[in-house]
Amino acid sequence: MAVQPKGGCVVEHVERALDLCSVLGEGPLWRAAERRLYWLDLRGPAIFRFDPVGGRNEKLKAELPAGLGGMVFDKQGRWIIVDDAGIHRIDPASGRRTDLANPEAGHPENSFNDAKVDRHGRLWTGSCNLDWVTPTGSFYMMDAAGNITVIDRSIGCANGPAFSPDGKRAYWTDSPAREIYCYDIESSTGAVGPRRSFHKFGAVAEQPDGMTVDGDGCLWVALWDGWCVAQIRPDGKLERRVKVPVPQPSAVGFGGEGMKQLYITTASLGLSDEQLRAAPLSGHLLVADVGQRGIAEPDFAG
């Protein structure tokens, strides 16, 4: 790993993990029991399962809508997806989809975007306007019984839920606002406190997107239109930026042996032929050794 001043930008050893170009790659999620990385193409739409040792990448059978938004697992190994029609469960054996909830019913201008599970086993997901800017989105939490709580409203594009290793803090970002927020979570009851600003990015093109945490509690965030991934300390201070060879990194997730590899999904969405020639790895799954270990993502308890 290269050494650099705090807050600086460094070129790590970032490489292509897989020779497959997605439109909008998202949601890298490591399954230790399978030694496989699950990831998505939101505009494919597709769910993929990647073997980093053998190099095989499978497109999995599933009933998916056009507007896929995110995916987690439940404790039975089934897939929970969010999309433009709500929250659903998919049976991996048949690919069949069962509706669970749609708190956005009546809002055709919105679609669900991104999803993660907290240390209490609850699903967190948000919505965004289809233009990714107009603040009509909301941020939700669903418990194991299916009860849904509105965490926040008036969001341009809810992105990247992530949770501290001890489960006492939740992070999310409103991408168009270029700001990451956090909430305290009460350990015994799981009660969620008021929103606080965690890190504000400058008035530049980059937008914080998908996020994860490492074992030291630092937050890692993909910076769309930023050509990099940022590491932010638990106190909200920028630790460093890791340069990537594409303009649109979309999400990050640790995986591999010992959770020592940082997988980075990227997008080719909206790029011109000229831009794609300048950044030919756009849309590809990338991997980097950033000198940190990740922690396993929990499964939904419902």
C-alpha atoms as a PDB file:
ATOM      1  CA  MET A   1       0.000   0.000   0.000  1.00  0.00           C
ATOM      2  CA  ALA A   2       1.322   3.435  -0.906  1.00  0.00           C
ATOM      3  CA  VAL A   3       1.995   5.951   1.849  1.00  0.00           C
ATOM      4  CA  GLN A   4       0.686   9.493   1.557  1.00  0.00           C
ATOM      5  CA  PRO A   5      -0.249  12.559   3.603  1.00  0.00           C
ATOM      6  CA  LYS A   6      -3.613  12.452   5.337  1.00  0.00           C
ATOM      7  CA  GLY A   7      -6.414  13.615   3.055  1.00  0.00           C
ATOM      8  CA  GLY A   8      -4.238  13.280  -0.037  1.00  0.00           C
ATOM      9  CA  CYS A   9      -4.907  11.258  -3.177  1.00  0.00           C
ATOM     10  CA  VAL A  10      -2.825   8.226  -4.004  1.00  0.00           C
ATOM     11  CA  VAL A  11      -2.810   5.663  -6.777  1.00  0.00           C
ATOM     12  CA  GLU A  12      -3.125   2.264  -5.103  1.00  0.00           C
ATOM     13  CA  HIS A  13      -2.823  -1.034  -6.944  1.00  0.00           C
ATOM     14  CA  VAL A  14      -6.370  -0.958  -8.349  1.00  0.00           C
ATOM     15  CA  GLU A  15      -7.080  -3.526 -11.047  1.00  0.00           C
ATOM     16  CA  ARG A  16      -9.931  -5.049 -13.004  1.00  0.00           C
ATOM     17  CA  ALA A  17     -11.353  -8.056 -11.177  1.00  0.00           C
ATOM     18  CA  LEU A  18     -13.616  -9.159 -14.020  1.00  0.00           C
ATOM     19  CA  ASP A  19     -13.796  -8.521 -17.761  1.00  0.00           C
ATOM     20  CA  LEU A  20     -17.488  -7.620 -17.936  1.00  0.00           C
ATOM     21  CA  CYS A  21     -18.870  -4.146 -18.594  1.00  0.00           C
ATOM     22  CA  SER A  22     -22.027  -3.252 -16.667  1.00  0.00           C
ATOM     23  CA  VAL A  23     -24.253  -0.256 -17.270  1.00  0.00           C
ATOM     24  CA  LEU A  24     -24.607   0.613 -13.579  1.00  0.00           C
ATOM     25  CA  GLY A  25     -22.668  -1.744 -11.348  1.00  0.00           C
ATOM     26  CA  GLU A  26     -23.665  -1.666  -7.664  1.00  0.00           C
ATOM     27  CA  GLY A  27     -23.948  -3.475  -4.349  1.00  0.00           C
ATOM     28  CA  PRO A  28     -20.759  -5.594  -3.904  1.00  0.00           C
ATOM     29  CA  LEU A  29     -21.619  -8.062  -1.124  1.00  0.00           C
ATOM     30  CA  TRP A  30     -19.249 -10.811   0.055  1.00  0.00           C
ATOM     31  CA  ARG A  31     -20.648 -14.187   1.190  1.00  0.00           C
ATOM     32  CA  ALA A  32     -17.917 -15.829   3.265  1.00  0.00           C
ATOM     33  CA  ALA A  33     -19.619 -19.254   3.383  1.00  0.00           C
ATOM     34  CA  GLU A  34     -19.617 -19.374  -0.423  1.00  0.00           C
ATOM     35  CA  ARG A  35     -16.386 -17.440  -0.944  1.00  0.00           C
ATOM     36  CA  ARG A  36     -18.255 -15.510  -3.589  1.00  0.00           C
ATOM     37  CA  LEU A  37     -18.988 -11.856  -4.269  1.00  0.00           C
ATOM     38  CA  TYR A  38     -22.527 -10.909  -5.220  1.00  0.00           C
ATOM     39  CA  TRP A  39     -22.954  -7.713  -7.208  1.00  0.00           C
ATOM     40  CA  LEU A  40     -25.584  -6.030  -9.376  1.00  0.00           C
ATOM     41  CA  ASP A  41     -26.142  -4.241 -12.633  1.00  0.00           C
ATOM     42  CA  LEU A  42     -29.029  -1.956 -11.766  1.00  0.00           C
ATOM     43  CA  ARG A  43     -29.784  -1.203 -15.403  1.00  0.00           C
ATOM     44  CA  GLY A  44     -29.152  -4.718 -16.739  1.00  0.00           C
ATOM     45  CA  PRO A  45     -30.917  -5.581 -14.620  1.00  0.00           C
ATOM     46  CA  ALA A  46     -28.942  -8.490 -13.222  1.00  0.00           C
ATOM     47  CA  ILE A  47     -27.687 -10.221 -10.071  1.00  0.00           C
ATOM     48  CA  PHE A  48     -24.189 -11.675 -10.464  1.00  0.00           C
ATOM     49  CA  ARG A  49     -22.141 -14.106  -8.369  1.00  0.00           C
ATOM     50  CA  PHE A  50     -18.380 -13.866  -8.816  1.00  0.00           C
ATOM     51  CA  ASP A  51     -15.687 -16.366  -7.800  1.00  0.00           C
ATOM     52  CA  PRO A  52     -12.481 -14.308  -7.421  1.00  0.00           C
ATOM     53  CA  VAL A  53     -10.270 -17.423  -7.269  1.00  0.00           C
ATOM     54  CA  GLY A  54     -11.645 -19.255 -10.296  1.00  0.00           C
ATOM     55  CA  GLY A  55     -12.636 -16.094 -12.150  1.00  0.00           C
ATOM     56  CA  ARG A  56     -16.129 -17.362 -12.964  1.00  0.00           C
ATOM     57  CA  ASN A  57     -18.982 -14.850 -12.974  1.00  0.00           C
ATOM     58  CA  GLU A  58     -22.573 -16.156 -13.072  1.00  0.00           C
ATOM     59  CA  LYS A  59     -25.705 -14.226 -13.965  1.00  0.00           C
ATOM     60  CA  LEU A  60     -28.318 -15.612 -11.584  1.00  0.00           C
ATOM     61  CA  LYS A  61     -31.915 -16.398 -12.487  1.00  0.00           C
ATOM     62  CA  ALA A  62     -34.343 -13.918 -10.949  1.00  0.00           C
ATOM     63  CA  GLU A  63     -37.571 -12.088 -11.687  1.00  0.00           C
ATOM     64  CA  LEU A  64     -36.303  -8.524 -11.796  1.00  0.00           C
ATOM     65  CA  PRO A  65     -37.972  -5.252 -12.755  1.00  0.00           C
ATOM     66  CA  ALA A  66     -36.291  -2.635 -14.922  1.00  0.00           C
ATOM     67  CA  GLY A  67     -35.476  -0.429 -11.928  1.00  0.00           C
ATOM     68  CA  LEU A  68     -33.403  -2.614  -9.598  1.00  0.00           C
ATOM     69  CA  GLY A  69     -32.064  -0.679  -6.588  1.00  0.00           C
ATOM     70  CA  GLY A  70     -30.221  -2.943  -4.152  1.00  0.00           C
ATOM     71  CA  MET A  71     -29.970  -6.383  -2.543  1.00  0.00           C
ATOM     72  CA  VAL A  72     -29.239  -8.031   0.815  1.00  0.00           C
ATOM     73  CA  PHE A  73     -29.654 -11.570   2.165  1.00  0.00           C
ATOM     74  CA  ASP A  74     -32.010 -12.857   4.835  1.00  0.00           C
ATOM     75  CA  LYS A  75     -31.035 -15.501   7.394  1.00  0.00           C
ATOM     76  CA  GLN A  76     -32.438 -18.273   5.193  1.00  0.00           C
ATOM     77  CA  GLY A  77     -30.141 -17.247   2.353  1.00  0.00           C
ATOM     78  CA  ARG A  78     -32.921 -15.695   0.286  1.00  0.00           C
ATOM     79  CA  TRP A  79     -32.428 -12.421  -1.513  1.00  0.00           C
ATOM     80  CA  ILE A  80     -34.192  -9.247  -0.408  1.00  0.00           C
ATOM     81  CA  ILE A  81     -34.258  -6.707  -3.222  1.00  0.00           C
ATOM     82  CA  VAL A  82     -35.493  -3.135  -3.490  1.00  0.00           C
ATOM     83  CA  ASP A  83     -36.640  -1.707  -6.796  1.00  0.00           C
ATOM     84  CA  ASP A  84     -39.095   0.649  -8.461  1.00  0.00           C
ATOM     85  CA  ALA A  85     -42.034  -1.380  -7.079  1.00  0.00           C
ATOM     86  CA  GLY A  86     -41.003  -1.722  -3.424  1.00  0.00           C
ATOM     87  CA  ILE A  87     -39.320  -4.368  -1.273  1.00  0.00           C
ATOM     88  CA  HIS A  88     -39.378  -8.039  -2.305  1.00  0.00           C
ATOM     89  CA  ARG A  89     -38.008 -11.474  -1.432  1.00  0.00           C
ATOM     90  CA  ILE A  90     -36.552 -13.720  -4.150  1.00  0.00           C
ATOM     91  CA  ASP A  91     -36.130 -17.481  -3.846  1.00  0.00           C
ATOM     92  CA  PRO A  92     -32.618 -18.242  -5.187  1.00  0.00           C
ATOM     93  CA  ALA A  93     -33.660 -21.715  -6.356  1.00  0.00           C
ATOM     94  CA  SER A  94     -36.544 -20.571  -8.586  1.00  0.00           C
ATOM     95  CA  GLY A  95     -35.818 -16.867  -9.034  1.00  0.00           C
ATOM     96  CA  ARG A  96     -39.425 -16.099  -8.120  1.00  0.00           C
ATOM     97  CA  ARG A  97     -40.225 -12.814  -6.446  1.00  0.00           C
ATOM     98  CA  THR A  98     -42.620 -12.264  -3.522  1.00  0.00           C
ATOM     99  CA  ASP A  99     -43.774  -8.778  -2.545  1.00  0.00           C
ATOM    100  CA  LEU A 100     -43.022  -7.694   1.031  1.00  0.00           C
ATOM    101  CA  ALA A 101     -43.853  -3.991   1.257  1.00  0.00           C
ATOM    102  CA  ASN A 102     -44.041  -0.771  -0.721  1.00  0.00           C
ATOM    103  CA  PRO A 103     -44.040   2.353   1.447  1.00  0.00           C
ATOM    104  CA  GLU A 104     -43.584   4.375  -1.769  1.00  0.00           C
ATOM    105  CA  ALA A 105     -46.890   3.241  -3.294  1.00  0.00           C
ATOM    106  CA  GLY A 106     -48.593   6.281  -4.780  1.00  0.00           C
ATOM    107  CA  HIS A 107     -45.274   7.912  -5.684  1.00  0.00           C
ATOM    108  CA  PRO A 108     -44.551   6.836  -9.290  1.00  0.00           C
ATOM    109  CA  GLU A 109     -41.913   9.556  -9.525  1.00  0.00           C
ATOM    110  CA  ASN A 110     -39.723   7.637  -7.041  1.00  0.00           C
ATOM    111  CA  SER A 111     -37.748   4.407  -7.016  1.00  0.00           C
ATOM    112  CA  PHE A 112     -35.909   2.577  -4.243  1.00  0.00           C
ATOM    113  CA  ASN A 113     -32.139   2.887  -4.264  1.00  0.00           C
ATOM    114  CA  ASP A 114     -29.573   0.932  -2.251  1.00  0.00           C
ATOM    115  CA  ALA A 115     -30.088  -1.240   0.831  1.00  0.00           C
ATOM    116  CA  LYS A 116     -28.111  -2.565   3.801  1.00  0.00           C
ATOM    117  CA  VAL A 117     -28.795  -4.400   7.068  1.00  0.00           C
ATOM    118  CA  ASP A 118     -27.822  -2.984  10.465  1.00  0.00           C
ATOM    119  CA  ARG A 119     -26.308  -4.916  13.388  1.00  0.00           C
ATOM    120  CA  HIS A 120     -29.842  -5.457  14.778  1.00  0.00           C
ATOM    121  CA  GLY A 121     -30.840  -7.319  11.600  1.00  0.00           C
ATOM    122  CA  ARG A 122     -33.051  -4.526  10.245  1.00  0.00           C
ATOM    123  CA  LEU A 123     -33.240  -3.481   6.611  1.00  0.00           C
ATOM    124  CA  TRP A 124     -32.418   0.138   5.772  1.00  0.00           C
ATOM    125  CA  THR A 125     -33.265   1.490   2.335  1.00  0.00           C
ATOM    126  CA  GLY A 126     -34.048   4.808   0.705  1.00  0.00           C
ATOM    127  CA  SER A 127     -35.781   6.185  -2.330  1.00  0.00           C
ATOM    128  CA  CYS A 128     -34.972   8.800  -4.923  1.00  0.00           C
ATOM    129  CA  ASN A 129     -36.748  10.734  -7.613  1.00  0.00           C
ATOM    130  CA  LEU A 130     -36.239   9.204 -11.035  1.00  0.00           C
ATOM    131  CA  ASP A 131     -34.302  12.336 -12.003  1.00  0.00           C
ATOM    132  CA  TRP A 132     -31.886  11.602  -9.082  1.00  0.00           C
ATOM    133  CA  VAL A 133     -32.094  15.249  -7.959  1.00  0.00           C
ATOM    134  CA  THR A 134     -35.606  16.434  -6.946  1.00  0.00           C
ATOM    135  CA  PRO A 135     -35.909  15.905  -3.146  1.00  0.00           C
ATOM    136  CA  THR A 136     -38.978  13.639  -3.076  1.00  0.00           C
ATOM    137  CA  GLY A 137     -37.192  10.615  -1.603  1.00  0.00           C
ATOM    138  CA  SER A 138     -37.348   9.125   1.890  1.00  0.00           C
ATOM    139  CA  PHE A 139     -35.210   6.897   4.078  1.00  0.00           C
ATOM    140  CA  TYR A 140     -36.781   3.819   5.722  1.00  0.00           C
ATOM    141  CA  MET A 141     -36.027   1.072   8.216  1.00  0.00           C
ATOM    142  CA  MET A 142     -37.884  -2.270   8.218  1.00  0.00           C
ATOM    143  CA  ASP A 143     -37.664  -4.632  11.196  1.00  0.00           C
ATOM    144  CA  ALA A 144     -37.962  -8.428  11.232  1.00  0.00           C
ATOM    145  CA  ALA A 145     -41.745  -8.250  11.691  1.00  0.00           C
ATOM    146  CA  GLY A 146     -42.135  -6.059   8.611  1.00  0.00           C
ATOM    147  CA  ASN A 147     -42.818  -2.848  10.525  1.00  0.00           C
ATOM    148  CA  ILE A 148     -41.520   0.170   8.615  1.00  0.00           C
ATOM    149  CA  THR A 149     -40.216   3.379  10.185  1.00  0.00           C
ATOM    150  CA  VAL A 150     -39.582   6.578   8.234  1.00  0.00           C
ATOM    151  CA  ILE A 151     -36.124   7.772   9.229  1.00  0.00           C
ATOM    152  CA  ASP A 152     -35.966  10.873   7.014  1.00  0.00           C
ATOM    153  CA  ARG A 153     -37.704  12.674   4.157  1.00  0.00           C
ATOM    154  CA  SER A 154     -37.060  15.281   1.418  1.00  0.00           C
ATOM    155  CA  ILE A 155     -34.074  13.414  -0.026  1.00  0.00           C
ATOM    156  CA  GLY A 156     -32.707  13.873  -3.528  1.00  0.00           C
ATOM    157  CA  CYS A 157     -31.106  10.424  -3.796  1.00  0.00           C
ATOM    158  CA  ALA A 158     -30.690   8.208  -0.733  1.00  0.00           C
ATOM    159  CA  ASN A 159     -27.499   6.193  -1.023  1.00  0.00           C
ATOM    160  CA  GLY A 160     -25.058   3.911   0.714  1.00  0.00           C
ATOM    161  CA  PRO A 161     -26.368   2.913   4.133  1.00  0.00           C
ATOM    162  CA  ALA A 162     -23.485   1.701   6.306  1.00  0.00           C
ATOM    163  CA  PHE A 163     -23.095   0.925  10.007  1.00  0.00           C
ATOM    164  CA  SER A 164     -20.281   1.212  12.520  1.00  0.00           C
ATOM    165  CA  PRO A 165     -18.756  -2.102  13.663  1.00  0.00           C
ATOM    166  CA  ASP A 166     -20.372  -1.771  17.114  1.00  0.00           C
ATOM    167  CA  GLY A 167     -23.783  -1.030  15.584  1.00  0.00           C
ATOM    168  CA  LYS A 168     -24.133   2.272  17.419  1.00  0.00           C
ATOM    169  CA  ARG A 169     -24.086   4.510  14.355  1.00  0.00           C
ATOM    170  CA  ALA A 170     -25.794   4.503  10.953  1.00  0.00           C
ATOM    171  CA  TYR A 171     -24.467   6.419   7.953  1.00  0.00           C
ATOM    172  CA  TRP A 172     -26.225   7.420   4.765  1.00  0.00           C
ATOM    173  CA  THR A 173     -25.752  10.010   2.071  1.00  0.00           C
ATOM    174  CA  ASP A 174     -27.958  12.285   0.010  1.00  0.00           C
ATOM    175  CA  SER A 175     -25.842  12.185  -3.128  1.00  0.00           C
ATOM    176  CA  PRO A 176     -27.005  15.434  -4.821  1.00  0.00           C
ATOM    177  CA  ALA A 177     -26.461  17.298  -1.534  1.00  0.00           C
ATOM    178  CA  ARG A 178     -22.863  15.912  -1.475  1.00  0.00           C
ATOM    179  CA  GLU A 179     -23.197  15.232   2.230  1.00  0.00           C
ATOM    180  CA  ILE A 180     -22.923  12.155   4.454  1.00  0.00           C
ATOM    181  CA  TYR A 181     -25.146  12.048   7.536  1.00  0.00           C
ATOM    182  CA  CYS A 182     -25.188   9.842  10.616  1.00  0.00           C
ATOM    183  CA  TYR A 183     -27.612   8.722  13.321  1.00  0.00           C
ATOM    184  CA  ASP A 184     -26.872   7.277  16.738  1.00  0.00           C
ATOM    185  CA  ILE A 185     -28.500   3.880  17.422  1.00  0.00           C
ATOM    186  CA  GLU A 186     -29.296   2.933  21.014  1.00  0.00           C
ATOM    187  CA  SER A 187     -27.648  -0.426  21.718  1.00  0.00           C
ATOM    188  CA  SER A 188     -30.339  -2.122  23.806  1.00  0.00           C
ATOM    189  CA  THR A 189     -33.491  -0.890  22.066  1.00  0.00           C
ATOM    190  CA  GLY A 190     -32.257  -0.052  18.569  1.00  0.00           C
ATOM    191  CA  ALA A 191     -33.880   3.378  18.774  1.00  0.00           C
ATOM    192  CA  VAL A 192     -32.578   5.803  16.152  1.00  0.00           C
ATOM    193  CA  GLY A 193     -31.551   9.327  17.142  1.00  0.00           C
ATOM    194  CA  PRO A 194     -31.777  12.546  15.127  1.00  0.00           C
ATOM    195  CA  ARG A 195     -29.792  13.170  11.946  1.00  0.00           C
ATOM    196  CA  ARG A 196     -26.385  14.837  12.170  1.00  0.00           C
ATOM    197  CA  SER A 197     -23.969  15.943   9.474  1.00  0.00           C
ATOM    198  CA  PHE A 198     -20.948  13.628   9.302  1.00  0.00           C
ATOM    199  CA  HIS A 199     -18.933  14.843   6.305  1.00  0.00           C
ATOM    200  CA  LYS A 200     -19.654  17.507   3.693  1.00  0.00           C
ATOM    201  CA  PHE A 201     -17.903  17.392   0.342  1.00  0.00           C
ATOM    202  CA  GLY A 202     -16.975  20.592  -1.465  1.00  0.00           C
ATOM    203  CA  ALA A 203     -18.772  22.297  -4.320  1.00  0.00           C
ATOM    204  CA  VAL A 204     -17.287  19.991  -6.949  1.00  0.00           C
ATOM    205  CA  ALA A 205     -18.760  17.445  -9.320  1.00  0.00           C
ATOM    206  CA  GLU A 206     -18.127  14.371  -7.134  1.00  0.00           C
ATOM    207  CA  GLN A 207     -21.088  12.849  -5.296  1.00  0.00           C
ATOM    208  CA  PRO A 208     -20.835  10.347  -2.418  1.00  0.00           C
ATOM    209  CA  ASP A 209     -22.442   7.059  -3.427  1.00  0.00           C
ATOM    210  CA  GLY A 210     -22.219   3.498  -2.054  1.00  0.00           C
ATOM    211  CA  MET A 211     -20.436   2.982   1.298  1.00  0.00           C
ATOM    212  CA  THR A 212     -19.041   0.418   3.706  1.00  0.00           C
ATOM    213  CA  VAL A 213     -16.952   0.392   6.905  1.00  0.00           C
ATOM    214  CA  ASP A 214     -13.644  -1.279   7.722  1.00  0.00           C
ATOM    215  CA  GLY A 215     -12.692  -3.085  10.922  1.00  0.00           C
ATOM    216  CA  ASP A 216     -11.305   0.118  12.438  1.00  0.00           C
ATOM    217  CA  GLY A 217     -14.630   1.897  11.978  1.00  0.00           C
ATOM    218  CA  CYS A 218     -13.539   4.095   9.085  1.00  0.00           C
ATOM    219  CA  LEU A 219     -16.121   4.771   6.406  1.00  0.00           C
ATOM    220  CA  TRP A 220     -15.296   4.053   2.750  1.00  0.00           C
ATOM    221  CA  VAL A 221     -17.332   5.827   0.095  1.00  0.00           C
ATOM    222  CA  ALA A 222     -17.325   5.713  -3.704  1.00  0.00           C
ATOM    223  CA  LEU A 223     -17.261   9.211  -5.219  1.00  0.00           C
ATOM    224  CA  TRP A 224     -19.332   9.321  -8.397  1.00  0.00           C
ATOM    225  CA  ASP A 225     -17.774  11.721 -10.924  1.00  0.00           C
ATOM    226  CA  GLY A 226     -14.764  11.879  -8.610  1.00  0.00           C
ATOM    227  CA  TRP A 227     -12.388   9.234 -10.017  1.00  0.00           C
ATOM    228  CA  CYS A 228     -11.713   8.015  -6.484  1.00  0.00           C
ATOM    229  CA  VAL A 229     -12.823   6.285  -3.303  1.00  0.00           C
ATOM    230  CA  ALA A 230     -12.507   8.122   0.017  1.00  0.00           C
ATOM    231  CA  GLN A 231     -11.714   6.834   3.499  1.00  0.00           C
ATOM    232  CA  ILE A 232     -13.237   8.921   6.304  1.00  0.00           C
ATOM    233  CA  ARG A 233     -12.371   8.510   9.976  1.00  0.00           C
ATOM    234  CA  PRO A 234     -15.065   7.976  12.627  1.00  0.00           C
ATOM    235  CA  ASP A 235     -14.653  11.641  13.633  1.00  0.00           C
ATOM    236  CA  GLY A 236     -15.734  12.714  10.137  1.00  0.00           C
ATOM    237  CA  LYS A 237     -12.291  13.810   8.960  1.00  0.00           C
ATOM    238  CA  LEU A 238     -11.036  12.756   5.537  1.00  0.00           C
ATOM    239  CA  GLU A 239      -8.182  10.251   5.925  1.00  0.00           C
ATOM    240  CA  ARG A 240      -7.288   9.698   2.270  1.00  0.00           C
ATOM    241  CA  ARG A 241      -8.506   9.294  -1.277  1.00  0.00           C
ATOM    242  CA  VAL A 242      -7.725   6.267  -3.410  1.00  0.00           C
ATOM    243  CA  LYS A 243      -7.617   7.068  -7.111  1.00  0.00           C
ATOM    244  CA  VAL A 244      -9.461   4.703  -9.468  1.00  0.00           C
ATOM    245  CA  PRO A 245      -9.192   4.577 -13.286  1.00  0.00           C
ATOM    246  CA  VAL A 246     -12.853   5.436 -13.936  1.00  0.00           C
ATOM    247  CA  PRO A 247     -14.969   8.554 -13.360  1.00  0.00           C
ATOM    248  CA  GLN A 248     -18.016   6.782 -11.903  1.00  0.00           C
ATOM    249  CA  PRO A 249     -17.178   4.421  -9.026  1.00  0.00           C
ATOM    250  CA  SER A 250     -20.576   3.551  -7.581  1.00  0.00           C
ATOM    251  CA  ALA A 251     -20.145   1.366  -4.487  1.00  0.00           C
ATOM    252  CA  VAL A 252     -17.553  -0.411  -2.344  1.00  0.00           C
ATOM    253  CA  GLY A 253     -17.479  -3.597  -0.304  1.00  0.00           C
ATOM    254  CA  PHE A 254     -14.752  -5.643   1.387  1.00  0.00           C
ATOM    255  CA  GLY A 255     -14.344  -9.329   0.595  1.00  0.00           C
ATOM    256  CA  GLY A 256     -11.953 -12.081  -0.323  1.00  0.00           C
ATOM    257  CA  GLU A 257      -9.724 -14.100   2.004  1.00  0.00           C
ATOM    258  CA  GLY A 258      -9.624 -12.346   5.372  1.00  0.00           C
ATOM    259  CA  MET A 259     -11.878  -9.548   4.024  1.00  0.00           C
ATOM    260  CA  LYS A 260      -8.717  -7.777   2.840  1.00  0.00           C
ATOM    261  CA  GLN A 261      -9.799  -6.826  -0.680  1.00  0.00           C
ATOM    262  CA  LEU A 262     -11.873  -3.752  -1.452  1.00  0.00           C
ATOM    263  CA  TYR A 263     -14.227  -4.424  -4.378  1.00  0.00           C
ATOM    264  CA  ILE A 264     -15.400  -1.376  -6.294  1.00  0.00           C
ATOM    265  CA  THR A 265     -18.351  -1.404  -8.686  1.00  0.00           C
ATOM    266  CA  THR A 266     -18.394   1.190 -11.451  1.00  0.00           C
ATOM    267  CA  ALA A 267     -20.696   2.484 -14.183  1.00  0.00           C
ATOM    268  CA  SER A 268     -20.595   3.186 -17.899  1.00  0.00           C
ATOM    269  CA  LEU A 269     -23.986   4.898 -17.706  1.00  0.00           C
ATOM    270  CA  GLY A 270     -24.204   8.133 -19.700  1.00  0.00           C
ATOM    271  CA  LEU A 271     -20.564   8.182 -20.797  1.00  0.00           C
ATOM    272  CA  SER A 272     -19.779   9.214 -24.365  1.00  0.00           C
ATOM    273  CA  ASP A 273     -17.620   7.136 -26.700  1.00  0.00           C
ATOM    274  CA  GLU A 274     -14.804   9.593 -26.101  1.00  0.00           C
ATOM    275  CA  GLN A 275     -15.131   9.260 -22.324  1.00  0.00           C
ATOM    276  CA  LEU A 276     -15.186   5.471 -22.576  1.00  0.00           C
ATOM    277  CA  ARG A 277     -12.019   5.497 -24.668  1.00  0.00           C
ATOM    278  CA  ALA A 278     -10.364   7.624 -21.981  1.00  0.00           C
ATOM    279  CA  ALA A 279     -11.607   5.324 -19.183  1.00  0.00           C
ATOM    280  CA  PRO A 280     -12.090   1.863 -20.739  1.00  0.00           C
ATOM    281  CA  LEU A 281     -12.620   0.140 -17.372  1.00  0.00           C
ATOM    282  CA  SER A 282     -15.851   2.090 -16.770  1.00  0.00           C
ATOM    283  CA  GLY A 283     -18.592  -0.375 -15.855  1.00  0.00           C
ATOM    284  CA  HIS A 284     -16.123  -3.065 -14.786  1.00  0.00           C
ATOM    285  CA  LEU A 285     -15.731  -4.599 -11.328  1.00  0.00           C
ATOM    286  CA  LEU A 286     -12.475  -3.390  -9.763  1.00  0.00           C
ATOM    287  CA  VAL A 287     -10.482  -4.632  -6.775  1.00  0.00           C
ATOM    288  CA  ALA A 288      -7.850  -2.932  -4.606  1.00  0.00           C
ATOM    289  CA  ASP A 289      -5.650  -3.702  -1.626  1.00  0.00           C
ATOM    290  CA  VAL A 290      -6.057  -0.633   0.595  1.00  0.00           C
ATOM    291  CA  GLY A 291      -4.355  -2.092   3.670  1.00  0.00           C
ATOM    292  CA  GLN A 292      -7.570  -2.526   5.666  1.00  0.00           C
ATOM    293  CA  ARG A 293      -9.843  -5.419   6.619  1.00  0.00           C
ATOM    294  CA  GLY A 294     -13.594  -5.263   6.296  1.00  0.00           C
ATOM    295  CA  ILE A 295     -16.293  -6.882   8.417  1.00  0.00           C
ATOM    296  CA  ALA A 296     -19.136  -9.134   7.328  1.00  0.00           C
ATOM    297  CA  GLU A 297     -22.465  -7.552   6.428  1.00  0.00           C
ATOM    298  CA  PRO A 298     -25.375  -8.892   8.563  1.00  0.00           C
ATOM    299  CA  ASP A 299     -28.395 -10.702   7.130  1.00  0.00           C
ATOM    300  CA  PHE A 300     -31.944  -9.375   7.381  1.00  0.00           C
ATOM    301  CA  ALA A 301     -33.675 -10.964  10.397  1.00  0.00           C
ATOM    302  CA  GLY A 302     -37.134 -11.042   8.794  1.00  0.00           C
END
